[in-house]
């Protein structure tokens, strides 16, 4: 189930309480019923009638779809997304290029149309990830380009039964996320070292000063020895020992991009060499585990087919997203994103490396 909405003409003055929502049916191909541990319900689901500023149903169902919104620009979308009252997410260590088009609005991903972006939670490779993601479809492709939706909680529940060795290893070891940054973009749509950590760089800074400012940004993660880095010429390698199993408000989840990195590696894509994942002790994660994790994800995901004006809202801890290829050029599919902070999911266990903290100022 989704919603339509009637908005006032002047979006910058928008208040959520001014909206009127009417549920309508989606085709069965655009929905599936959630499995355990969720209550039986399809997703994406509609927002409640006259929703409050926050959207509590997100925490249970993971994704909400708004349709037929009279949003026609990045600025309209920014006003709509900010009306819900969440705090803007600051990205530190970004691995993709995201030029800001309006306040807290950027392209969702600028990878070429033929590239598959497999299901993942947003920014699981770093200790600071957004809590909520708003996607807005400005231009819908004629064929392909769907956005997958799958549940991190359902993935955990299935993996606990079907891949117990993987879940037990992740519970005991976590993952070591290794990310490489360079002065130039390493693939089309990728970020540079400047975009990732150079927000404080100033004209005339020496290489030594630039490095110090980059390292100051990395220290903002506030994780001590569990985030480390090394320099090699102009290349920076950052390593995070972080949890994959996390306790959300309602249920445990797998907060990860393990299956996505596996798919990229199979395809031989450059991004698979920029972000690599192993167990937290540095040992390799068995390929058969990753293949099974992908198989479960394939089984539980649904492909959302975009219509112009759609806004799809994710609870980033509960729901994973991705991007299917499409026929046509880059401009035939334009989806924008706006990221916001949410509650930091609690640690699944009590180990020191499992603790996540707010980003330091």
Protein backbone atom coordinates (compact mmCIF):
# COMPACT_ATOMS: atom_id res chain seq x y z
CA UNK A 1 0.00 0.00 0.00
CA UNK A 2 1.23 3.52 -0.82
CA UNK A 3 -0.02 7.05 -0.41
CA UNK A 4 -0.94 10.01 -2.48
CA UNK A 5 -0.50 13.48 -1.06
CA UNK A 6 -1.85 16.95 -1.72
CA UNK A 7 0.69 19.64 -0.98
CA UNK A 8 0.41 23.41 -0.70
CA UNK A 9 1.82 25.34 -3.63
CA UNK A 10 4.66 26.89 -1.61
CA UNK A 11 6.79 23.95 -0.61
CA UNK A 12 9.46 25.84 1.39
CA UNK A 13 6.77 26.60 4.00
CA UNK A 14 5.64 22.99 4.02
CA UNK A 15 4.47 21.39 7.27
CA UNK A 16 3.75 17.66 7.39
CA UNK A 17 0.51 18.35 9.26
CA UNK A 18 -0.76 20.20 6.14
CA UNK A 19 -0.68 17.05 4.00
CA UNK A 20 -3.61 14.83 3.15
CA UNK A 21 -2.84 11.18 2.43
CA UNK A 22 -5.01 8.64 0.65
CA UNK A 23 -3.99 4.97 0.41
CA UNK A 24 -4.07 3.17 -2.93
CA UNK A 25 -3.09 -0.27 -4.17
CA UNK A 26 0.18 -1.24 -5.80
CA UNK A 27 0.50 -4.14 -8.24
CA UNK A 28 1.55 -7.39 -6.61
CA UNK A 29 4.84 -7.25 -8.52
CA UNK A 30 5.77 -4.14 -6.55
CA UNK A 31 5.14 -5.63 -3.09
CA UNK A 32 5.82 -8.74 -1.04
CA UNK A 33 4.79 -9.83 2.44
CA UNK A 34 7.48 -9.49 5.08
CA UNK A 35 8.67 -12.67 6.77
CA UNK A 36 9.73 -13.25 10.36
CA UNK A 37 10.42 -11.41 12.59
CA UNK A 38 8.16 -8.75 11.03
CA UNK A 39 4.42 -8.63 11.55
CA UNK A 40 2.66 -9.92 8.45
CA UNK A 41 2.47 -6.91 6.17
CA UNK A 42 3.47 -5.96 2.63
CA UNK A 43 6.19 -3.45 1.88
CA UNK A 44 6.63 -0.78 0.88
CA UNK A 45 3.63 0.35 2.94
CA UNK A 46 1.70 3.59 3.18
CA UNK A 47 2.20 6.34 5.71
CA UNK A 48 -0.66 6.72 8.23
CA UNK A 49 -3.41 9.22 7.52
CA UNK A 50 -2.29 12.68 8.64
CA UNK A 51 1.07 11.32 9.89
CA UNK A 52 2.92 12.98 12.75
CA UNK A 53 6.20 14.73 12.06
CA UNK A 54 8.02 11.42 12.60
CA UNK A 55 7.10 8.17 10.88
CA UNK A 56 6.98 5.39 13.51
CA UNK A 57 5.88 2.73 11.00
CA UNK A 58 9.32 2.95 9.41
CA UNK A 59 10.89 1.18 12.39
CA UNK A 60 8.70 -1.89 11.84
CA UNK A 61 8.19 -2.08 8.08
CA UNK A 62 11.37 -0.43 6.84
CA UNK A 63 10.04 1.53 3.84
CA UNK A 64 7.18 3.92 3.04
CA UNK A 65 6.16 5.06 -0.43
CA UNK A 66 4.54 8.42 -1.25
CA UNK A 67 3.11 8.78 -4.75
CA UNK A 68 1.68 11.57 -6.91
CA UNK A 69 3.52 14.28 -5.02
CA UNK A 70 3.72 17.60 -6.90
CA UNK A 71 7.48 17.74 -6.38
CA UNK A 72 9.25 18.94 -9.50
CA UNK A 73 12.75 19.94 -8.36
CA UNK A 74 15.57 19.16 -5.94
CA UNK A 75 14.50 22.14 -3.82
CA UNK A 76 10.90 20.90 -3.59
CA UNK A 77 12.21 17.50 -2.53
CA UNK A 78 14.51 19.07 0.06
CA UNK A 79 11.60 20.97 1.61
CA UNK A 80 9.44 17.85 1.76
CA UNK A 81 12.15 15.68 3.32
CA UNK A 82 13.16 18.27 5.93
CA UNK A 83 9.53 18.75 6.97
CA UNK A 84 9.66 15.47 8.90
CA UNK A 85 12.06 16.97 11.40
CA UNK A 86 15.05 14.63 11.22
CA UNK A 87 18.60 15.94 11.61
CA UNK A 88 20.73 16.19 8.48
CA UNK A 89 23.31 13.42 8.18
CA UNK A 90 26.93 14.46 7.74
CA UNK A 91 28.87 12.09 5.53
CA UNK A 92 32.50 11.51 6.52
CA UNK A 93 34.56 9.15 4.39
CA UNK A 94 32.14 9.06 1.46
CA UNK A 95 33.07 6.61 -1.31
CA UNK A 96 30.76 7.96 -4.04
CA UNK A 97 30.50 11.37 -5.64
CA UNK A 98 27.45 13.30 -4.45
CA UNK A 99 27.25 16.90 -5.63
CA UNK A 100 24.70 18.86 -3.56
CA UNK A 101 21.82 20.06 -5.75
CA UNK A 102 19.71 21.59 -2.94
CA UNK A 103 20.02 21.58 0.87
CA UNK A 104 20.91 17.99 1.83
CA UNK A 105 19.96 16.65 -1.62
CA UNK A 106 22.29 14.93 -4.08
CA UNK A 107 22.09 12.30 -6.84
CA UNK A 108 21.54 8.85 -5.35
CA UNK A 109 24.36 7.32 -7.41
CA UNK A 110 26.13 8.37 -10.59
CA UNK A 111 27.42 4.96 -11.68
CA UNK A 112 26.72 4.14 -15.35
CA UNK A 113 23.30 2.69 -16.28
CA UNK A 114 24.62 -0.85 -16.90
CA UNK A 115 26.01 -1.18 -13.36
CA UNK A 116 24.04 -3.19 -10.79
CA UNK A 117 24.17 -1.83 -7.25
CA UNK A 118 23.16 -4.80 -5.16
CA UNK A 119 21.15 -4.63 -1.93
CA UNK A 120 22.96 -3.02 1.00
CA UNK A 121 22.41 -0.74 3.97
CA UNK A 122 23.74 2.76 3.39
CA UNK A 123 27.35 3.35 4.57
CA UNK A 124 27.82 0.06 6.47
CA UNK A 125 31.55 0.19 5.72
CA UNK A 126 32.10 3.15 8.07
CA UNK A 127 31.16 3.67 11.75
CA UNK A 128 28.84 6.62 11.01
CA UNK A 129 25.80 5.78 8.86
CA UNK A 130 22.49 7.58 8.23
CA UNK A 131 19.32 6.45 9.99
CA UNK A 132 16.86 7.50 7.29
CA UNK A 133 17.05 7.85 3.51
CA UNK A 134 14.57 9.73 1.33
CA UNK A 135 14.69 8.89 -2.40
CA UNK A 136 12.88 11.04 -4.96
CA UNK A 137 12.31 10.02 -8.58
CA UNK A 138 12.66 13.04 -10.85
CA UNK A 139 12.88 11.00 -14.06
CA UNK A 140 11.74 7.38 -14.34
CA UNK A 141 13.35 5.10 -16.95
CA UNK A 142 11.12 3.37 -19.47
CA UNK A 143 12.70 -0.01 -18.77
CA UNK A 144 14.66 -1.21 -15.74
CA UNK A 145 16.22 1.01 -13.08
CA UNK A 146 14.11 -0.37 -10.22
CA UNK A 147 15.17 0.14 -6.62
CA UNK A 148 15.22 -3.11 -4.62
CA UNK A 149 13.88 -3.25 -1.07
CA UNK A 150 14.79 -6.00 1.40
CA UNK A 151 14.65 -6.37 5.17
CA UNK A 152 17.85 -6.46 7.25
CA UNK A 153 15.86 -8.14 10.04
CA UNK A 154 14.45 -10.83 7.77
CA UNK A 155 17.96 -11.34 6.34
CA UNK A 156 19.28 -11.92 9.87
CA UNK A 157 16.47 -14.35 10.75
CA UNK A 158 16.99 -16.40 7.58
CA UNK A 159 20.80 -16.35 7.82
CA UNK A 160 20.68 -17.48 11.47
CA UNK A 161 18.89 -20.64 10.28
CA UNK A 162 20.44 -21.18 6.84
CA UNK A 163 24.03 -19.92 7.32
CA UNK A 164 24.62 -20.35 11.06
CA UNK A 165 28.40 -20.49 10.61
CA UNK A 166 28.45 -17.02 9.05
CA UNK A 167 26.23 -15.48 11.72
CA UNK A 168 28.26 -17.05 14.52
CA UNK A 169 31.52 -15.80 12.97
CA UNK A 170 30.11 -12.29 12.53
CA UNK A 171 28.85 -12.30 16.10
CA UNK A 172 32.29 -13.32 17.38
CA UNK A 173 34.54 -11.34 15.04
CA UNK A 174 32.62 -8.58 13.27
CA UNK A 175 34.16 -7.36 10.01
CA UNK A 176 37.27 -5.47 9.02
CA UNK A 177 36.24 -2.90 6.43
CA UNK A 178 39.22 -1.65 4.38
CA UNK A 179 38.65 1.39 2.17
CA UNK A 180 41.18 2.99 -0.17
CA UNK A 181 41.01 6.66 -1.09
CA UNK A 182 43.05 8.45 -3.76
CA UNK A 183 43.47 12.01 -4.97
CA UNK A 184 41.53 11.14 -8.13
CA UNK A 185 38.25 9.28 -8.49
CA UNK A 186 38.96 5.57 -8.92
CA UNK A 187 35.83 4.81 -10.94
CA UNK A 188 33.00 6.71 -12.59
CA UNK A 189 30.79 8.05 -9.82
CA UNK A 190 33.42 7.47 -7.12
CA UNK A 191 34.72 10.05 -4.66
CA UNK A 192 38.14 11.63 -4.31
CA UNK A 193 40.21 11.91 -1.13
CA UNK A 194 39.24 15.57 -1.01
CA UNK A 195 35.52 14.76 -1.15
CA UNK A 196 35.87 12.01 1.46
CA UNK A 197 37.92 13.78 4.15
CA UNK A 198 39.11 17.16 2.83
CA UNK A 199 36.25 19.43 3.93
CA UNK A 200 38.69 21.58 5.97
CA UNK A 201 41.30 21.93 3.24
CA UNK A 202 42.15 25.52 2.35
CA UNK A 203 43.96 27.07 -0.58
CA UNK A 204 47.68 27.08 0.08
CA UNK A 205 47.66 24.14 2.51
CA UNK A 206 50.80 22.03 2.31
CA UNK A 207 50.58 18.27 1.82
CA UNK A 208 51.50 17.87 5.50
CA UNK A 209 48.66 20.16 6.61
CA UNK A 210 46.19 18.41 4.32
CA UNK A 211 47.13 15.04 5.80
CA UNK A 212 46.72 16.34 9.32
CA UNK A 213 43.27 17.69 8.47
CA UNK A 214 42.27 14.36 6.89
CA UNK A 215 43.40 12.48 10.00
CA UNK A 216 41.46 14.90 12.20
CA UNK A 217 38.34 14.00 10.24
CA UNK A 218 38.98 10.26 10.68
CA UNK A 219 39.39 10.76 14.45
CA UNK A 220 35.88 12.18 14.55
CA UNK A 221 34.58 8.61 14.35
CA UNK A 222 35.70 8.37 17.99
CA UNK A 223 36.64 4.67 17.90
CA UNK A 224 40.30 4.74 18.95
CA UNK A 225 42.24 1.65 17.90
CA UNK A 226 39.25 0.16 16.09
CA UNK A 227 39.69 2.68 13.26
CA UNK A 228 43.22 2.92 11.87
CA UNK A 229 44.87 4.25 8.72
CA UNK A 230 48.07 4.30 6.70
CA UNK A 231 49.39 6.52 3.91
CA UNK A 232 51.21 5.32 0.80
CA UNK A 233 52.19 8.26 -1.36
CA UNK A 234 48.95 10.11 -2.08
CA UNK A 235 46.79 7.07 -1.27
CA UNK A 236 45.03 6.61 2.06
CA UNK A 237 43.87 3.26 3.43
CA UNK A 238 41.35 3.34 6.30
CA UNK A 239 40.41 0.24 8.29
CA UNK A 240 37.36 -0.08 10.54
CA UNK A 241 36.67 -3.03 12.85
CA UNK A 242 32.90 -2.76 13.07
CA UNK A 243 29.83 -4.88 13.89
CA UNK A 244 27.49 -6.37 11.32
CA UNK A 245 25.00 -7.77 13.84
CA UNK A 246 23.14 -4.91 15.50
CA UNK A 247 20.12 -4.63 17.76
CA UNK A 248 17.43 -2.35 16.35
CA UNK A 249 14.51 -1.05 18.40
CA UNK A 250 12.34 -4.07 17.46
CA UNK A 251 14.69 -6.85 16.36
CA UNK A 252 18.29 -7.82 15.52
CA UNK A 253 19.51 -7.04 12.01
CA UNK A 254 22.38 -7.68 9.63
CA UNK A 255 23.61 -4.16 8.83
CA UNK A 256 25.90 -4.87 5.91
CA UNK A 257 26.98 -4.74 2.30
CA UNK A 258 28.57 -8.21 2.29
CA UNK A 259 26.35 -9.52 -0.52
CA UNK A 260 26.85 -6.31 -2.53
CA UNK A 261 30.65 -6.52 -2.35
CA UNK A 262 30.40 -10.20 -3.33
CA UNK A 263 28.30 -9.32 -6.41
CA UNK A 264 30.70 -6.54 -7.41
CA UNK A 265 33.67 -8.89 -7.03
CA UNK A 266 32.01 -11.50 -9.25
CA UNK A 267 31.43 -8.78 -11.87
CA UNK A 268 35.06 -7.62 -11.65
CA UNK A 269 34.02 -4.04 -10.90
CA UNK A 270 36.54 -1.47 -9.66
CA UNK A 271 34.51 -0.67 -6.55
CA UNK A 272 35.12 -4.19 -5.23
CA UNK A 273 38.84 -3.37 -5.03
CA UNK A 274 38.29 -0.06 -3.24
CA UNK A 275 36.18 -1.46 -0.39
CA UNK A 276 37.09 -4.94 0.82
CA UNK A 277 35.60 -6.89 3.71
CA UNK A 278 37.02 -9.68 5.83
CA UNK A 279 36.30 -11.01 9.27
CA UNK A 280 37.43 -8.69 12.04
CA UNK A 281 40.61 -10.70 12.58
CA UNK A 282 41.60 -10.26 8.92
CA UNK A 283 40.68 -13.76 7.75
CA UNK A 284 38.64 -14.22 4.59
CA UNK A 285 34.89 -14.77 4.74
CA UNK A 286 34.11 -18.05 2.91
CA UNK A 287 32.73 -17.46 -0.56
CA UNK A 288 30.04 -20.08 -0.05
CA UNK A 289 28.68 -18.07 2.89
CA UNK A 290 28.48 -14.93 0.75
CA UNK A 291 26.79 -16.81 -2.10
CA UNK A 292 24.14 -18.10 0.32
CA UNK A 293 23.64 -14.60 1.73
CA UNK A 294 23.00 -13.32 -1.79
CA UNK A 295 20.58 -16.19 -2.39
CA UNK A 296 18.55 -15.24 0.67
CA UNK A 297 18.56 -11.59 -0.40
CA UNK A 298 17.36 -12.53 -3.87
CA UNK A 299 14.48 -14.43 -2.26
CA UNK A 300 13.32 -11.69 0.11
CA UNK A 301 13.70 -8.55 -1.97
CA UNK A 302 11.12 -6.74 -4.06
CA UNK A 303 11.85 -4.38 -6.96
CA UNK A 304 10.18 -1.00 -6.71
CA UNK A 305 9.35 0.33 -10.17
CA UNK A 306 9.58 4.11 -10.08
CA UNK A 307 7.00 6.62 -11.26
CA UNK A 308 7.91 10.27 -11.64
CA UNK A 309 7.36 12.11 -8.34
CA UNK A 310 7.63 9.04 -6.10
CA UNK A 311 9.30 9.50 -2.72
CA UNK A 312 10.47 6.27 -1.10
CA UNK A 313 11.57 6.56 2.53
CA UNK A 314 13.83 3.97 4.17
CA UNK A 315 14.71 3.19 7.73
CA UNK A 316 18.34 2.46 6.84
CA UNK A 317 18.81 -0.03 9.67
CA UNK A 318 15.71 -2.11 8.87
CA UNK A 319 15.70 -1.91 5.05
CA UNK A 320 18.34 -2.44 2.40
CA UNK A 321 18.29 -0.81 -1.02
CA UNK A 322 20.11 -1.00 -4.34
CA UNK A 323 19.73 -0.13 -8.02
CA UNK A 324 18.95 -2.24 -11.07
CA UNK A 325 20.42 -1.44 -14.51
CA UNK A 326 18.27 0.32 -17.08
CA UNK A 327 18.15 0.85 -20.81
CA UNK A 328 19.08 4.32 -21.96
CA UNK A 329 21.44 7.07 -20.89
CA UNK A 330 22.35 8.52 -17.52
CA UNK A 331 19.63 11.17 -17.80
CA UNK A 332 16.87 8.63 -18.42
CA UNK A 333 16.84 7.79 -14.71
CA UNK A 334 17.27 10.59 -12.19
CA UNK A 335 16.79 9.62 -8.54
CA UNK A 336 17.85 12.02 -5.79
CA UNK A 337 18.64 11.19 -2.17
CA UNK A 338 18.47 13.02 1.16
CA UNK A 339 20.12 11.44 4.23
CA UNK A 340 19.22 12.00 7.88
CA UNK A 341 20.48 10.80 11.24
CA UNK A 342 18.52 8.37 13.37
CA UNK A 343 19.08 6.42 16.58
CA UNK A 344 22.38 4.53 16.61
CA UNK A 345 21.49 0.82 16.70
CA UNK A 346 22.66 -0.81 19.88
CA UNK A 347 25.46 -3.39 19.92
CA UNK A 348 24.41 -7.01 19.57
CA UNK A 349 27.03 -8.03 22.14
CA UNK A 350 29.28 -6.45 24.73
CA UNK A 351 32.66 -6.38 23.00
CA UNK A 352 34.47 -3.06 22.84
CA UNK A 353 34.78 -3.13 19.03
CA UNK A 354 30.98 -3.39 18.74
CA UNK A 355 30.36 0.00 20.32
CA UNK A 356 29.39 2.83 17.95
CA UNK A 357 29.37 6.47 19.04
CA UNK A 358 27.98 9.73 17.60
CA UNK A 359 30.25 11.59 15.21
CA UNK A 360 32.44 14.06 17.10
CA UNK A 361 32.36 17.77 16.29
